[in-house]
Protein backbone atom coordinates (compact mmCIF):
# COMPACT_ATOMS: atom_id res chain seq x y z
CA MET A 1 96.44 103.37 103.57
CA ALA A 2 99.22 104.31 105.98
CA ASN A 3 100.74 100.82 106.23
CA ALA A 4 101.17 100.34 102.49
CA ILE A 5 102.47 103.89 102.05
CA LYS A 6 105.09 103.36 104.76
CA SER A 7 106.21 100.09 103.18
CA ILE A 8 106.41 101.68 99.75
CA ALA A 9 108.37 104.66 101.10
CA LYS A 10 110.87 102.25 102.69
CA TYR A 11 111.17 100.33 99.43
CA ILE A 12 111.79 103.53 97.45
CA LYS A 13 114.43 104.75 99.95
CA ARG A 14 116.21 101.38 99.89
CA ASN A 15 116.13 101.18 96.08
CA PRO A 16 116.92 104.65 94.75
CA GLY A 17 116.94 104.84 90.98
CA ASP A 18 115.33 101.40 90.66
CA GLU A 19 112.69 101.15 87.95
CA ASP A 20 110.31 99.27 90.26
CA ALA A 21 110.65 102.05 92.84
CA ASP A 22 109.75 104.57 90.14
CA VAL A 23 106.66 102.54 89.24
CA LEU A 24 105.54 102.54 92.87
CA ARG A 25 106.17 106.27 93.17
CA ASP A 26 104.16 106.93 90.01
CA LEU A 27 101.31 104.71 91.22
CA CYS A 28 101.12 106.61 94.51
CA GLY A 29 101.07 109.91 92.65
CA ALA A 30 98.36 108.74 90.26
CA LEU A 31 96.12 107.59 93.11
CA GLU A 32 96.64 110.83 95.00
CA GLU A 33 95.89 112.97 91.95
CA GLY A 34 93.15 110.77 90.51
CA ALA A 35 95.22 110.41 87.36
CA ALA A 36 95.52 107.50 84.95
CA PHE A 37 98.16 104.81 85.50
CA GLU A 38 99.26 102.11 83.07
CA LEU A 39 98.65 98.83 84.91
CA GLU A 40 100.98 97.07 82.49
CA ARG A 41 103.84 98.77 84.33
CA LEU A 42 102.97 96.76 87.44
CA PHE A 43 103.22 93.47 85.59
CA ALA A 44 106.84 94.24 84.72
CA THR A 45 107.84 94.66 88.39
CA LYS A 46 109.40 92.06 90.64
CA SER A 47 107.17 90.23 93.11
CA LYS A 48 107.88 92.44 96.18
CA PRO A 49 106.98 95.77 94.53
CA PHE A 50 103.97 94.09 92.89
CA GLU A 51 102.75 92.91 96.31
CA LEU A 52 103.30 96.41 97.71
CA ALA A 53 101.24 97.88 94.86
CA LEU A 54 98.41 95.44 95.52
CA ALA A 55 98.45 96.30 99.23
CA LEU A 56 98.31 99.99 98.34
CA LEU A 57 95.37 99.48 96.01
CA ASP A 58 93.54 97.41 98.60
CA GLU A 59 94.00 100.05 101.31
CA TRP A 60 93.14 102.86 98.91
CA LYS A 61 89.89 101.17 97.91
CA PHE A 62 88.96 100.54 101.54
CA ASP A 63 89.72 104.15 102.51
CA ARG A 64 87.54 105.44 99.67
CA HIS A 65 84.72 103.10 100.70
CA VAL A 66 84.88 104.32 104.31
CA ALA A 67 84.95 107.96 103.21
CA GLU A 68 81.93 107.47 100.94
CA ARG A 69 79.99 105.75 103.74
CA ARG A 70 80.78 108.61 106.11
CA LEU A 71 79.58 111.13 103.55
CA GLN A 72 76.38 109.16 103.00
CA LYS A 73 75.83 108.95 106.75
CA TYR A 74 76.18 112.74 107.13
CA LEU A 75 73.91 113.37 104.16
CA GLU A 76 71.23 111.11 105.62
CA ARG A 77 71.56 112.83 108.98
CA ASP A 78 71.00 116.25 107.37
CA GLU A 79 67.79 115.00 105.74
CA ASP A 80 66.18 114.27 109.12
């Protein structure tokens, strides 16, 4: 998830006070905390922040999948 996070951080720094930057910041916080996020807010963003949000979600999902597989692997190993 590091690539998307870096890109989002750059976007936020380059666009302080921008509503789209706030949406990206809130999305990152919601994913980190496991909190709810209104997806409708993404649809109101411009194309670049929307693409950044999709990249973040894609990397976040992949990272969760990898973490779950690692956990399953360790659990199976302990059963032997």
